[in-house]
Amino acid sequence: PCLLTTSIDISDWNEAERRYQAIFEKSHE
């Protein structure tokens, strides 16, 4: 038996998601 894992750094994705969410929520359009 073996275990294979992969990982990626999503810290940039989280920041992009926060920025998108702020634009979406605060936009006047």
mmCIF file of all heavy atoms, coordinates in Angstrom:
data_MODEL
# 
_entry.id   MODEL 
# 
loop_
_atom_site.group_PDB 
_atom_site.id 
_atom_site.type_symbol 
_atom_site.label_atom_id 
_atom_site.label_alt_id 
_atom_site.label_comp_id 
_atom_site.label_asym_id 
_atom_site.label_entity_id 
_atom_site.label_seq_id 
_atom_site.pdbx_PDB_ins_code 
_atom_site.Cartn_x 
_atom_site.Cartn_y 
_atom_site.Cartn_z 
_atom_site.occupancy 
_atom_site.B_iso_or_equiv 
_atom_site.pdbx_formal_charge 
_atom_site.auth_seq_id 
_atom_site.auth_comp_id 
_atom_site.auth_asym_id 
_atom_site.auth_atom_id 
_atom_site.pdbx_PDB_model_num 
ATOM 1   N N   . PRO A 1 1  ? 0.840   -1.194 0.000   1.00 0.00 ? 1  PRO A N   1 
ATOM 2   C CA  . PRO A 1 1  ? 0.000   0.000  0.000   1.00 0.00 ? 1  PRO A CA  1 
ATOM 3   C C   . PRO A 1 1  ? 0.882   1.253  0.000   1.00 0.00 ? 1  PRO A C   1 
ATOM 4   O O   . PRO A 1 1  ? 1.969   1.258  0.578   1.00 0.00 ? 1  PRO A O   1 
ATOM 5   C CB  . PRO A 1 1  ? -0.799  -0.090 1.289   1.00 0.00 ? 1  PRO A CB  1 
ATOM 6   C CG  . PRO A 1 1  ? -0.291  -1.256 2.040   1.00 0.00 ? 1  PRO A CG  1 
ATOM 7   C CD  . PRO A 1 1  ? 0.712   -1.970 1.209   1.00 0.00 ? 1  PRO A CD  1 
ATOM 8   N N   . CYS A 1 2  ? 0.412   2.262  -0.684  1.00 0.00 ? 2  CYS A N   1 
ATOM 9   C CA  . CYS A 1 2  ? 1.154   3.522  -0.682  1.00 0.00 ? 2  CYS A CA  1 
ATOM 10  C C   . CYS A 1 2  ? 0.170   4.676  -0.702  1.00 0.00 ? 2  CYS A C   1 
ATOM 11  O O   . CYS A 1 2  ? -1.015  4.515  -0.998  1.00 0.00 ? 2  CYS A O   1 
ATOM 12  C CB  . CYS A 1 2  ? 2.110   3.593  -1.860  1.00 0.00 ? 2  CYS A CB  1 
ATOM 13  S SG  . CYS A 1 2  ? 1.291   3.748  -3.431  1.00 0.00 ? 2  CYS A SG  1 
ATOM 14  N N   . LEU A 1 3  ? 0.658   5.843  -0.412  1.00 0.00 ? 3  LEU A N   1 
ATOM 15  C CA  . LEU A 1 3  ? -0.150  7.051  -0.399  1.00 0.00 ? 3  LEU A CA  1 
ATOM 16  C C   . LEU A 1 3  ? 0.550   8.068  -1.274  1.00 0.00 ? 3  LEU A C   1 
ATOM 17  O O   . LEU A 1 3  ? 1.738   8.349  -1.088  1.00 0.00 ? 3  LEU A O   1 
ATOM 18  C CB  . LEU A 1 3  ? -0.285  7.581  1.038   1.00 0.00 ? 3  LEU A CB  1 
ATOM 19  C CG  . LEU A 1 3  ? -0.995  8.910  1.201   1.00 0.00 ? 3  LEU A CG  1 
ATOM 20  C CD1 . LEU A 1 3  ? -2.451  8.788  0.780   1.00 0.00 ? 3  LEU A CD1 1 
ATOM 21  C CD2 . LEU A 1 3  ? -0.885  9.378  2.638   1.00 0.00 ? 3  LEU A CD2 1 
ATOM 22  N N   . LEU A 1 4  ? -0.166  8.615  -2.221  1.00 0.00 ? 4  LEU A N   1 
ATOM 23  C CA  . LEU A 1 4  ? 0.376   9.621  -3.115  1.00 0.00 ? 4  LEU A CA  1 
ATOM 24  C C   . LEU A 1 4  ? -0.387  10.913 -2.857  1.00 0.00 ? 4  LEU A C   1 
ATOM 25  O O   . LEU A 1 4  ? -1.622  10.939 -2.870  1.00 0.00 ? 4  LEU A O   1 
ATOM 26  C CB  . LEU A 1 4  ? 0.196   9.194  -4.576  1.00 0.00 ? 4  LEU A CB  1 
ATOM 27  C CG  . LEU A 1 4  ? 0.632   10.205 -5.619  1.00 0.00 ? 4  LEU A CG  1 
ATOM 28  C CD1 . LEU A 1 4  ? 2.129   10.453 -5.526  1.00 0.00 ? 4  LEU A CD1 1 
ATOM 29  C CD2 . LEU A 1 4  ? 0.249   9.712  -6.997  1.00 0.00 ? 4  LEU A CD2 1 
ATOM 30  N N   . THR A 1 5  ? 0.316   11.983 -2.600  1.00 0.00 ? 5  THR A N   1 
ATOM 31  C CA  . THR A 1 5  ? -0.333  13.272 -2.354  1.00 0.00 ? 5  THR A CA  1 
ATOM 32  C C   . THR A 1 5  ? 0.303   14.329 -3.235  1.00 0.00 ? 5  THR A C   1 
ATOM 33  O O   . THR A 1 5  ? 1.454   14.204 -3.649  1.00 0.00 ? 5  THR A O   1 
ATOM 34  C CB  . THR A 1 5  ? -0.196  13.707 -0.888  1.00 0.00 ? 5  THR A CB  1 
ATOM 35  O OG1 . THR A 1 5  ? 1.183   13.898 -0.586  1.00 0.00 ? 5  THR A OG1 1 
ATOM 36  C CG2 . THR A 1 5  ? -0.790  12.691 0.046   1.00 0.00 ? 5  THR A CG2 1 
ATOM 37  N N   . THR A 1 6  ? -0.467  15.340 -3.515  1.00 0.00 ? 6  THR A N   1 
ATOM 38  C CA  . THR A 1 6  ? 0.053   16.512 -4.210  1.00 0.00 ? 6  THR A CA  1 
ATOM 39  C C   . THR A 1 6  ? -0.418  17.732 -3.444  1.00 0.00 ? 6  THR A C   1 
ATOM 40  O O   . THR A 1 6  ? -1.452  17.712 -2.775  1.00 0.00 ? 6  THR A O   1 
ATOM 41  C CB  . THR A 1 6  ? -0.459  16.598 -5.664  1.00 0.00 ? 6  THR A CB  1 
ATOM 42  O OG1 . THR A 1 6  ? -1.874  16.647 -5.652  1.00 0.00 ? 6  THR A OG1 1 
ATOM 43  C CG2 . THR A 1 6  ? 0.015   15.417 -6.486  1.00 0.00 ? 6  THR A CG2 1 
ATOM 44  N N   . SER A 1 7  ? 0.330   18.779 -3.544  1.00 0.00 ? 7  SER A N   1 
ATOM 45  C CA  . SER A 1 7  ? -0.080  20.013 -2.888  1.00 0.00 ? 7  SER A CA  1 
ATOM 46  C C   . SER A 1 7  ? 0.330   21.191 -3.753  1.00 0.00 ? 7  SER A C   1 
ATOM 47  O O   . SER A 1 7  ? 1.307   21.116 -4.503  1.00 0.00 ? 7  SER A O   1 
ATOM 48  C CB  . SER A 1 7  ? 0.535   20.129 -1.495  1.00 0.00 ? 7  SER A CB  1 
ATOM 49  O OG  . SER A 1 7  ? 1.936   20.207 -1.593  1.00 0.00 ? 7  SER A OG  1 
ATOM 50  N N   . ILE A 1 8  ? -0.450  22.242 -3.650  1.00 0.00 ? 8  ILE A N   1 
ATOM 51  C CA  . ILE A 1 8  ? -0.127  23.475 -4.345  1.00 0.00 ? 8  ILE A CA  1 
ATOM 52  C C   . ILE A 1 8  ? -0.383  24.636 -3.394  1.00 0.00 ? 8  ILE A C   1 
ATOM 53  O O   . ILE A 1 8  ? -1.219  24.547 -2.494  1.00 0.00 ? 8  ILE A O   1 
ATOM 54  C CB  . ILE A 1 8  ? -0.955  23.653 -5.631  1.00 0.00 ? 8  ILE A CB  1 
ATOM 55  C CG1 . ILE A 1 8  ? -2.455  23.593 -5.335  1.00 0.00 ? 8  ILE A CG1 1 
ATOM 56  C CG2 . ILE A 1 8  ? -0.577  22.639 -6.694  1.00 0.00 ? 8  ILE A CG2 1 
ATOM 57  C CD1 . ILE A 1 8  ? -3.340  23.929 -6.520  1.00 0.00 ? 8  ILE A CD1 1 
ATOM 58  N N   . ASP A 1 9  ? 0.355   25.680 -3.584  1.00 0.00 ? 9  ASP A N   1 
ATOM 59  C CA  . ASP A 1 9  ? 0.198   26.871 -2.762  1.00 0.00 ? 9  ASP A CA  1 
ATOM 60  C C   . ASP A 1 9  ? -0.965  27.692 -3.318  1.00 0.00 ? 9  ASP A C   1 
ATOM 61  O O   . ASP A 1 9  ? -0.905  28.183 -4.439  1.00 0.00 ? 9  ASP A O   1 
ATOM 62  C CB  . ASP A 1 9  ? 1.485   27.689 -2.795  1.00 0.00 ? 9  ASP A CB  1 
ATOM 63  C CG  . ASP A 1 9  ? 1.411   28.948 -1.944  1.00 0.00 ? 9  ASP A CG  1 
ATOM 64  O OD1 . ASP A 1 9  ? 0.368   29.195 -1.311  1.00 0.00 ? 9  ASP A OD1 1 
ATOM 65  O OD2 . ASP A 1 9  ? 2.413   29.693 -1.924  1.00 0.00 ? 9  ASP A OD2 1 
ATOM 66  N N   . ILE A 1 10 ? -2.028  27.825 -2.545  1.00 0.00 ? 10 ILE A N   1 
ATOM 67  C CA  . ILE A 1 10 ? -3.199  28.571 -3.012  1.00 0.00 ? 10 ILE A CA  1 
ATOM 68  C C   . ILE A 1 10 ? -3.316  29.945 -2.347  1.00 0.00 ? 10 ILE A C   1 
ATOM 69  O O   . ILE A 1 10 ? -4.343  30.607 -2.470  1.00 0.00 ? 10 ILE A O   1 
ATOM 70  C CB  . ILE A 1 10 ? -4.504  27.774 -2.799  1.00 0.00 ? 10 ILE A CB  1 
ATOM 71  C CG1 . ILE A 1 10 ? -4.749  27.500 -1.313  1.00 0.00 ? 10 ILE A CG1 1 
ATOM 72  C CG2 . ILE A 1 10 ? -4.499  26.501 -3.621  1.00 0.00 ? 10 ILE A CG2 1 
ATOM 73  C CD1 . ILE A 1 10 ? -6.134  27.010 -1.017  1.00 0.00 ? 10 ILE A CD1 1 
ATOM 74  N N   . SER A 1 11 ? -2.271  30.397 -1.697  1.00 0.00 ? 11 SER A N   1 
ATOM 75  C CA  . SER A 1 11 ? -2.344  31.687 -1.007  1.00 0.00 ? 11 SER A CA  1 
ATOM 76  C C   . SER A 1 11 ? -2.637  32.814 -1.991  1.00 0.00 ? 11 SER A C   1 
ATOM 77  O O   . SER A 1 11 ? -3.400  33.734 -1.678  1.00 0.00 ? 11 SER A O   1 
ATOM 78  C CB  . SER A 1 11 ? -1.070  31.963 -0.223  1.00 0.00 ? 11 SER A CB  1 
ATOM 79  O OG  . SER A 1 11 ? 0.066   31.909 -1.067  1.00 0.00 ? 11 SER A OG  1 
ATOM 80  N N   . ASP A 1 12 ? -2.071  32.766 -3.206  1.00 0.00 ? 12 ASP A N   1 
ATOM 81  C CA  . ASP A 1 12 ? -2.384  33.786 -4.203  1.00 0.00 ? 12 ASP A CA  1 
ATOM 82  C C   . ASP A 1 12 ? -3.831  33.699 -4.644  1.00 0.00 ? 12 ASP A C   1 
ATOM 83  O O   . ASP A 1 12 ? -4.479  34.704 -4.904  1.00 0.00 ? 12 ASP A O   1 
ATOM 84  C CB  . ASP A 1 12 ? -1.465  33.658 -5.420  1.00 0.00 ? 12 ASP A CB  1 
ATOM 85  C CG  . ASP A 1 12 ? -0.030  34.096 -5.114  1.00 0.00 ? 12 ASP A CG  1 
ATOM 86  O OD1 . ASP A 1 12 ? 0.166   34.829 -4.131  1.00 0.00 ? 12 ASP A OD1 1 
ATOM 87  O OD2 . ASP A 1 12 ? 0.870   33.703 -5.867  1.00 0.00 ? 12 ASP A OD2 1 
ATOM 88  N N   . TRP A 1 13 ? -4.374  32.488 -4.755  1.00 0.00 ? 13 TRP A N   1 
ATOM 89  C CA  . TRP A 1 13 ? -5.767  32.314 -5.131  1.00 0.00 ? 13 TRP A CA  1 
ATOM 90  C C   . TRP A 1 13 ? -6.680  32.912 -4.078  1.00 0.00 ? 13 TRP A C   1 
ATOM 91  O O   . TRP A 1 13 ? -7.685  33.540 -4.397  1.00 0.00 ? 13 TRP A O   1 
ATOM 92  C CB  . TRP A 1 13 ? -6.108  30.852 -5.323  1.00 0.00 ? 13 TRP A CB  1 
ATOM 93  C CG  . TRP A 1 13 ? -5.440  30.194 -6.483  1.00 0.00 ? 13 TRP A CG  1 
ATOM 94  C CD1 . TRP A 1 13 ? -4.608  30.763 -7.405  1.00 0.00 ? 13 TRP A CD1 1 
ATOM 95  C CD2 . TRP A 1 13 ? -5.542  28.826 -6.840  1.00 0.00 ? 13 TRP A CD2 1 
ATOM 96  N NE1 . TRP A 1 13 ? -4.193  29.830 -8.312  1.00 0.00 ? 13 TRP A NE1 1 
ATOM 97  C CE2 . TRP A 1 13 ? -4.747  28.631 -7.990  1.00 0.00 ? 13 TRP A CE2 1 
ATOM 98  C CE3 . TRP A 1 13 ? -6.218  27.752 -6.296  1.00 0.00 ? 13 TRP A CE3 1 
ATOM 99  C CZ2 . TRP A 1 13 ? -4.629  27.393 -8.597  1.00 0.00 ? 13 TRP A CZ2 1 
ATOM 100 C CZ3 . TRP A 1 13 ? -6.096  26.520 -6.915  1.00 0.00 ? 13 TRP A CZ3 1 
ATOM 101 C CH2 . TRP A 1 13 ? -5.311  26.344 -8.053  1.00 0.00 ? 13 TRP A CH2 1 
ATOM 102 N N   . ASN A 1 14 ? -6.337  32.693 -2.808  1.00 0.00 ? 14 ASN A N   1 
ATOM 103 C CA  . ASN A 1 14 ? -7.159  33.234 -1.723  1.00 0.00 ? 14 ASN A CA  1 
ATOM 104 C C   . ASN A 1 14 ? -7.188  34.757 -1.771  1.00 0.00 ? 14 ASN A C   1 
ATOM 105 O O   . ASN A 1 14 ? -8.235  35.360 -1.561  1.00 0.00 ? 14 ASN A O   1 
ATOM 106 C CB  . ASN A 1 14 ? -6.657  32.754 -0.366  1.00 0.00 ? 14 ASN A CB  1 
ATOM 107 C CG  . ASN A 1 14 ? -6.918  31.275 -0.155  1.00 0.00 ? 14 ASN A CG  1 
ATOM 108 O OD1 . ASN A 1 14 ? -7.830  30.709 -0.738  1.00 0.00 ? 14 ASN A OD1 1 
ATOM 109 N ND2 . ASN A 1 14 ? -6.104  30.655 0.668   1.00 0.00 ? 14 ASN A ND2 1 
ATOM 110 N N   . GLU A 1 15 ? -6.058  35.374 -2.049  1.00 0.00 ? 15 GLU A N   1 
ATOM 111 C CA  . GLU A 1 15 ? -5.993  36.829 -2.147  1.00 0.00 ? 15 GLU A CA  1 
ATOM 112 C C   . GLU A 1 15 ? -6.806  37.312 -3.344  1.00 0.00 ? 15 GLU A C   1 
ATOM 113 O O   . GLU A 1 15 ? -7.545  38.285 -3.251  1.00 0.00 ? 15 GLU A O   1 
ATOM 114 C CB  . GLU A 1 15 ? -4.550  37.312 -2.270  1.00 0.00 ? 15 GLU A CB  1 
ATOM 115 C CG  . GLU A 1 15 ? -4.403  38.816 -2.370  1.00 0.00 ? 15 GLU A CG  1 
ATOM 116 C CD  . GLU A 1 15 ? -4.969  39.587 -1.188  1.00 0.00 ? 15 GLU A CD  1 
ATOM 117 O OE1 . GLU A 1 15 ? -5.021  39.041 -0.067  1.00 0.00 ? 15 GLU A OE1 1 
ATOM 118 O OE2 . GLU A 1 15 ? -5.381  40.745 -1.388  1.00 0.00 ? 15 GLU A OE2 1 
ATOM 119 N N   . ALA A 1 16 ? -6.704  36.631 -4.463  1.00 0.00 ? 16 ALA A N   1 
ATOM 120 C CA  . ALA A 1 16 ? -7.481  36.993 -5.647  1.00 0.00 ? 16 ALA A CA  1 
ATOM 121 C C   . ALA A 1 16 ? -8.975  36.853 -5.369  1.00 0.00 ? 16 ALA A C   1 
ATOM 122 O O   . ALA A 1 16 ? -9.773  37.699 -5.787  1.00 0.00 ? 16 ALA A O   1 
ATOM 123 C CB  . ALA A 1 16 ? -7.069  36.129 -6.837  1.00 0.00 ? 16 ALA A CB  1 
ATOM 124 N N   . GLU A 1 17 ? -9.352  35.809 -4.664  1.00 0.00 ? 17 GLU A N   1 
ATOM 125 C CA  . GLU A 1 17 ? -10.761 35.603 -4.318  1.00 0.00 ? 17 GLU A CA  1 
ATOM 126 C C   . GLU A 1 17 ? -11.261 36.726 -3.408  1.00 0.00 ? 17 GLU A C   1 
ATOM 127 O O   . GLU A 1 17 ? -12.364 37.239 -3.589  1.00 0.00 ? 17 GLU A O   1 
ATOM 128 C CB  . GLU A 1 17 ? -10.953 34.253 -3.638  1.00 0.00 ? 17 GLU A CB  1 
ATOM 129 C CG  . GLU A 1 17 ? -12.360 33.982 -3.151  1.00 0.00 ? 17 GLU A CG  1 
ATOM 130 C CD  . GLU A 1 17 ? -13.399 33.856 -4.262  1.00 0.00 ? 17 GLU A CD  1 
ATOM 131 O OE1 . GLU A 1 17 ? -13.015 33.546 -5.407  1.00 0.00 ? 17 GLU A OE1 1 
ATOM 132 O OE2 . GLU A 1 17 ? -14.587 34.092 -3.990  1.00 0.00 ? 17 GLU A OE2 1 
ATOM 133 N N   . ARG A 1 18 ? -10.450 37.132 -2.448  1.00 0.00 ? 18 ARG A N   1 
ATOM 134 C CA  . ARG A 1 18 ? -10.837 38.232 -1.548  1.00 0.00 ? 18 ARG A CA  1 
ATOM 135 C C   . ARG A 1 18 ? -11.027 39.532 -2.333  1.00 0.00 ? 18 ARG A C   1 
ATOM 136 O O   . ARG A 1 18 ? -11.969 40.287 -2.100  1.00 0.00 ? 18 ARG A O   1 
ATOM 137 C CB  . ARG A 1 18 ? -9.808  38.417 -0.439  1.00 0.00 ? 18 ARG A CB  1 
ATOM 138 C CG  . ARG A 1 18 ? -9.943  37.423 0.691   1.00 0.00 ? 18 ARG A CG  1 
ATOM 139 C CD  . ARG A 1 18 ? -9.073  37.811 1.880   1.00 0.00 ? 18 ARG A CD  1 
ATOM 140 N NE  . ARG A 1 18 ? -7.653  37.695 1.614   1.00 0.00 ? 18 ARG A NE  1 
ATOM 141 C CZ  . ARG A 1 18 ? -6.943  36.567 1.696   1.00 0.00 ? 18 ARG A CZ  1 
ATOM 142 N NH1 . ARG A 1 18 ? -7.540  35.456 2.067   1.00 0.00 ? 18 ARG A NH1 1 
ATOM 143 N NH2 . ARG A 1 18 ? -5.665  36.549 1.445   1.00 0.00 ? 18 ARG A NH2 1 
ATOM 144 N N   . ARG A 1 19 ? -10.129 39.782 -3.278  1.00 0.00 ? 19 ARG A N   1 
ATOM 145 C CA  . ARG A 1 19 ? -10.236 41.002 -4.088  1.00 0.00 ? 19 ARG A CA  1 
ATOM 146 C C   . ARG A 1 19 ? -11.483 40.967 -4.961  1.00 0.00 ? 19 ARG A C   1 
ATOM 147 O O   . ARG A 1 19 ? -12.205 41.954 -5.074  1.00 0.00 ? 19 ARG A O   1 
ATOM 148 C CB  . ARG A 1 19 ? -8.995  41.173 -4.953  1.00 0.00 ? 19 ARG A CB  1 
ATOM 149 C CG  . ARG A 1 19 ? -7.790  41.585 -4.156  1.00 0.00 ? 19 ARG A CG  1 
ATOM 150 C CD  . ARG A 1 19 ? -6.600  41.761 -5.039  1.00 0.00 ? 19 ARG A CD  1 
ATOM 151 N NE  . ARG A 1 19 ? -5.435  42.122 -4.244  1.00 0.00 ? 19 ARG A NE  1 
ATOM 152 C CZ  . ARG A 1 19 ? -4.266  42.369 -4.749  1.00 0.00 ? 19 ARG A CZ  1 
ATOM 153 N NH1 . ARG A 1 19 ? -4.066  42.282 -6.054  1.00 0.00 ? 19 ARG A NH1 1 
ATOM 154 N NH2 . ARG A 1 19 ? -3.258  42.693 -3.969  1.00 0.00 ? 19 ARG A NH2 1 
ATOM 155 N N   . TYR A 1 20 ? -11.723 39.843 -5.599  1.00 0.00 ? 20 TYR A N   1 
ATOM 156 C CA  . TYR A 1 20 ? -12.916 39.699 -6.433  1.00 0.00 ? 20 TYR A CA  1 
ATOM 157 C C   . TYR A 1 20 ? -14.173 39.908 -5.585  1.00 0.00 ? 20 TYR A C   1 
ATOM 158 O O   . TYR A 1 20 ? -15.089 40.621 -5.986  1.00 0.00 ? 20 TYR A O   1 
ATOM 159 C CB  . TYR A 1 20 ? -12.956 38.326 -7.103  1.00 0.00 ? 20 TYR A CB  1 
ATOM 160 C CG  . TYR A 1 20 ? -14.289 38.041 -7.756  1.00 0.00 ? 20 TYR A CG  1 
ATOM 161 C CD1 . TYR A 1 20 ? -14.601 38.602 -8.987  1.00 0.00 ? 20 TYR A CD1 1 
ATOM 162 C CD2 . TYR A 1 20 ? -15.236 37.249 -7.118  1.00 0.00 ? 20 TYR A CD2 1 
ATOM 163 C CE1 . TYR A 1 20 ? -15.832 38.370 -9.569  1.00 0.00 ? 20 TYR A CE1 1 
ATOM 164 C CE2 . TYR A 1 20 ? -16.470 37.020 -7.703  1.00 0.00 ? 20 TYR A CE2 1 
ATOM 165 C CZ  . TYR A 1 20 ? -16.765 37.576 -8.929  1.00 0.00 ? 20 TYR A CZ  1 
ATOM 166 O OH  . TYR A 1 20 ? -17.990 37.345 -9.487  1.00 0.00 ? 20 TYR A OH  1 
ATOM 167 N N   . GLN A 1 21 ? -14.219 39.297 -4.433  1.00 0.00 ? 21 GLN A N   1 
ATOM 168 C CA  . GLN A 1 21 ? -15.383 39.410 -3.554  1.00 0.00 ? 21 GLN A CA  1 
ATOM 169 C C   . GLN A 1 21 ? -15.617 40.858 -3.149  1.00 0.00 ? 21 GLN A C   1 
ATOM 170 O O   . GLN A 1 21 ? -16.763 41.324 -3.130  1.00 0.00 ? 21 GLN A O   1 
ATOM 171 C CB  . GLN A 1 21 ? -15.207 38.524 -2.317  1.00 0.00 ? 21 GLN A CB  1 
ATOM 172 C CG  . GLN A 1 21 ? -16.446 38.394 -1.475  1.00 0.00 ? 21 GLN A CG  1 
ATOM 173 C CD  . GLN A 1 21 ? -17.557 37.637 -2.185  1.00 0.00 ? 21 GLN A CD  1 
ATOM 174 O OE1 . GLN A 1 21 ? -17.309 36.760 -2.996  1.00 0.00 ? 21 GLN A OE1 1 
ATOM 175 N NE2 . GLN A 1 21 ? -18.778 37.980 -1.891  1.00 0.00 ? 21 GLN A NE2 1 
ATOM 176 N N   . ALA A 1 22 ? -14.554 41.591 -2.847  1.00 0.00 ? 22 ALA A N   1 
ATOM 177 C CA  . ALA A 1 22 ? -14.691 42.995 -2.462  1.00 0.00 ? 22 ALA A CA  1 
ATOM 178 C C   . ALA A 1 22 ? -15.240 43.825 -3.617  1.00 0.00 ? 22 ALA A C   1 
ATOM 179 O O   . ALA A 1 22 ? -16.128 44.665 -3.433  1.00 0.00 ? 22 ALA A O   1 
ATOM 180 C CB  . ALA A 1 22 ? -13.345 43.549 -1.995  1.00 0.00 ? 22 ALA A CB  1 
ATOM 181 N N   . ILE A 1 23 ? -14.740 43.587 -4.827  1.00 0.00 ? 23 ILE A N   1 
ATOM 182 C CA  . ILE A 1 23 ? -15.241 44.305 -6.001  1.00 0.00 ? 23 ILE A CA  1 
ATOM 183 C C   . ILE A 1 23 ? -16.707 43.974 -6.218  1.00 0.00 ? 23 ILE A C   1 
ATOM 184 O O   . ILE A 1 23 ? -17.538 44.858 -6.441  1.00 0.00 ? 23 ILE A O   1 
ATOM 185 C CB  . ILE A 1 23 ? -14.410 43.954 -7.253  1.00 0.00 ? 23 ILE A CB  1 
ATOM 186 C CG1 . ILE A 1 23 ? -12.993 44.532 -7.116  1.00 0.00 ? 23 ILE A CG1 1 
ATOM 187 C CG2 . ILE A 1 23 ? -15.091 44.444 -8.525  1.00 0.00 ? 23 ILE A CG2 1 
ATOM 188 C CD1 . ILE A 1 23 ? -12.015 44.010 -8.144  1.00 0.00 ? 23 ILE A CD1 1 
ATOM 189 N N   . PHE A 1 24 ? -17.041 42.714 -6.144  1.00 0.00 ? 24 PHE A N   1 
ATOM 190 C CA  . PHE A 1 24 ? -18.411 42.253 -6.369  1.00 0.00 ? 24 PHE A CA  1 
ATOM 191 C C   . PHE A 1 24 ? -19.364 42.882 -5.362  1.00 0.00 ? 24 PHE A C   1 
ATOM 192 O O   . PHE A 1 24 ? -20.424 43.390 -5.725  1.00 0.00 ? 24 PHE A O   1 
ATOM 193 C CB  . PHE A 1 24 ? -18.451 40.726 -6.277  1.00 0.00 ? 24 PHE A CB  1 
ATOM 194 C CG  . PHE A 1 24 ? -19.786 40.125 -6.603  1.00 0.00 ? 24 PHE A CG  1 
ATOM 195 C CD1 . PHE A 1 24 ? -20.159 39.902 -7.912  1.00 0.00 ? 24 PHE A CD1 1 
ATOM 196 C CD2 . PHE A 1 24 ? -20.665 39.763 -5.585  1.00 0.00 ? 24 PHE A CD2 1 
ATOM 197 C CE1 . PHE A 1 24 ? -21.390 39.341 -8.222  1.00 0.00 ? 24 PHE A CE1 1 
ATOM 198 C CE2 . PHE A 1 24 ? -21.891 39.201 -5.882  1.00 0.00 ? 24 PHE A CE2 1 
ATOM 199 C CZ  . PHE A 1 24 ? -22.254 38.990 -7.203  1.00 0.00 ? 24 PHE A CZ  1 
ATOM 200 N N   . GLU A 1 25 ? -19.004 42.860 -4.103  1.00 0.00 ? 25 GLU A N   1 
ATOM 201 C CA  . GLU A 1 25 ? -19.898 43.347 -3.045  1.00 0.00 ? 25 GLU A CA  1 
ATOM 202 C C   . GLU A 1 25 ? -20.003 44.872 -3.004  1.00 0.00 ? 25 GLU A C   1 
ATOM 203 O O   . GLU A 1 25 ? -21.060 45.404 -2.686  1.00 0.00 ? 25 GLU A O   1 
ATOM 204 C CB  . GLU A 1 25 ? -19.434 42.830 -1.684  1.00 0.00 ? 25 GLU A CB  1 
ATOM 205 C CG  . GLU A 1 25 ? -19.562 41.331 -1.508  1.00 0.00 ? 25 GLU A CG  1 
ATOM 206 C CD  . GLU A 1 25 ? -20.999 40.847 -1.500  1.00 0.00 ? 25 GLU A CD  1 
ATOM 207 O OE1 . GLU A 1 25 ? -21.877 41.578 -1.016  1.00 0.00 ? 25 GLU A OE1 1 
ATOM 208 O OE2 . GLU A 1 25 ? -21.238 39.726 -1.984  1.00 0.00 ? 25 GLU A OE2 1 
ATOM 209 N N   . LYS A 1 26 ? -18.918 45.590 -3.318  1.00 0.00 ? 26 LYS A N   1 
ATOM 210 C CA  . LYS A 1 26 ? -18.896 47.044 -3.132  1.00 0.00 ? 26 LYS A CA  1 
ATOM 211 C C   . LYS A 1 26 ? -19.147 47.847 -4.399  1.00 0.00 ? 26 LYS A C   1 
ATOM 212 O O   . LYS A 1 26 ? -19.272 49.071 -4.339  1.00 0.00 ? 26 LYS A O   1 
ATOM 213 C CB  . LYS A 1 26 ? -17.568 47.447 -2.514  1.00 0.00 ? 26 LYS A CB  1 
ATOM 214 C CG  . LYS A 1 26 ? -17.401 46.881 -1.117  1.00 0.00 ? 26 LYS A CG  1 
ATOM 215 C CD  . LYS A 1 26 ? -16.073 47.230 -0.519  1.00 0.00 ? 26 LYS A CD  1 
ATOM 216 C CE  . LYS A 1 26 ? -15.961 46.589 0.860   1.00 0.00 ? 26 LYS A CE  1 
ATOM 217 N NZ  . LYS A 1 26 ? -14.709 46.877 1.512   1.00 0.00 ? 26 LYS A NZ  1 
ATOM 218 N N   . SER A 1 27 ? -19.227 47.197 -5.536  1.00 0.00 ? 27 SER A N   1 
ATOM 219 C CA  . SER A 1 27 ? -19.430 47.903 -6.799  1.00 0.00 ? 27 SER A CA  1 
ATOM 220 C C   . SER A 1 27 ? -20.777 48.618 -6.811  1.00 0.00 ? 27 SER A C   1 
ATOM 221 O O   . SER A 1 27 ? -21.771 48.124 -6.277  1.00 0.00 ? 27 SER A O   1 
ATOM 222 C CB  . SER A 1 27 ? -19.371 46.906 -7.959  1.00 0.00 ? 27 SER A CB  1 
ATOM 223 O OG  . SER A 1 27 ? -19.671 47.576 -9.165  1.00 0.00 ? 27 SER A OG  1 
ATOM 224 N N   . HIS A 1 28 ? -20.811 49.787 -7.437  1.00 0.00 ? 28 HIS A N   1 
ATOM 225 C CA  . HIS A 1 28 ? -22.069 50.513 -7.586  1.00 0.00 ? 28 HIS A CA  1 
ATOM 226 C C   . HIS A 1 28 ? -22.854 50.007 -8.796  1.00 0.00 ? 28 HIS A C   1 
ATOM 227 O O   . HIS A 1 28 ? -24.033 50.311 -8.932  1.00 0.00 ? 28 HIS A O   1 
ATOM 228 C CB  . HIS A 1 28 ? -21.806 52.007 -7.742  1.00 0.00 ? 28 HIS A CB  1 
ATOM 229 C CG  . HIS A 1 28 ? -21.244 52.619 -6.504  1.00 0.00 ? 28 HIS A CG  1 
ATOM 230 N ND1 . HIS A 1 28 ? -22.008 52.894 -5.393  1.00 0.00 ? 28 HIS A ND1 1 
ATOM 231 C CD2 . HIS A 1 28 ? -19.981 52.981 -6.185  1.00 0.00 ? 28 HIS A CD2 1 
ATOM 232 C CE1 . HIS A 1 28 ? -21.248 53.409 -4.446  1.00 0.00 ? 28 HIS A CE1 1 
ATOM 233 N NE2 . HIS A 1 28 ? -20.014 53.468 -4.899  1.00 0.00 ? 28 HIS A NE2 1 
ATOM 234 N N   . GLU A 1 29 ? -22.198 49.253 -9.663  1.00 0.00 ? 29 GLU A N   1 
ATOM 235 C CA  . GLU A 1 29 ? -22.851 48.665 -10.824 1.00 0.00 ? 29 GLU A CA  1 
ATOM 236 C C   . GLU A 1 29 ? -23.449 47.317 -10.448 1.00 0.00 ? 29 GLU A C   1 
ATOM 237 O O   . GLU A 1 29 ? -22.938 46.620 -9.589  1.00 0.00 ? 29 GLU A O   1 
ATOM 238 C CB  . GLU A 1 29 ? -21.858 48.453 -11.975 1.00 0.00 ? 29 GLU A CB  1 
ATOM 239 C CG  . GLU A 1 29 ? -21.386 49.741 -12.619 1.00 0.00 ? 29 GLU A CG  1 
ATOM 240 C CD  . GLU A 1 29 ? -20.291 50.432 -11.815 1.00 0.00 ? 29 GLU A CD  1 
ATOM 241 O OE1 . GLU A 1 29 ? -19.614 49.743 -11.036 1.00 0.00 ? 29 GLU A OE1 1 
ATOM 242 O OE2 . GLU A 1 29 ? -20.133 51.645 -11.966 1.00 0.00 ? 29 GLU A OE2 1 
# 
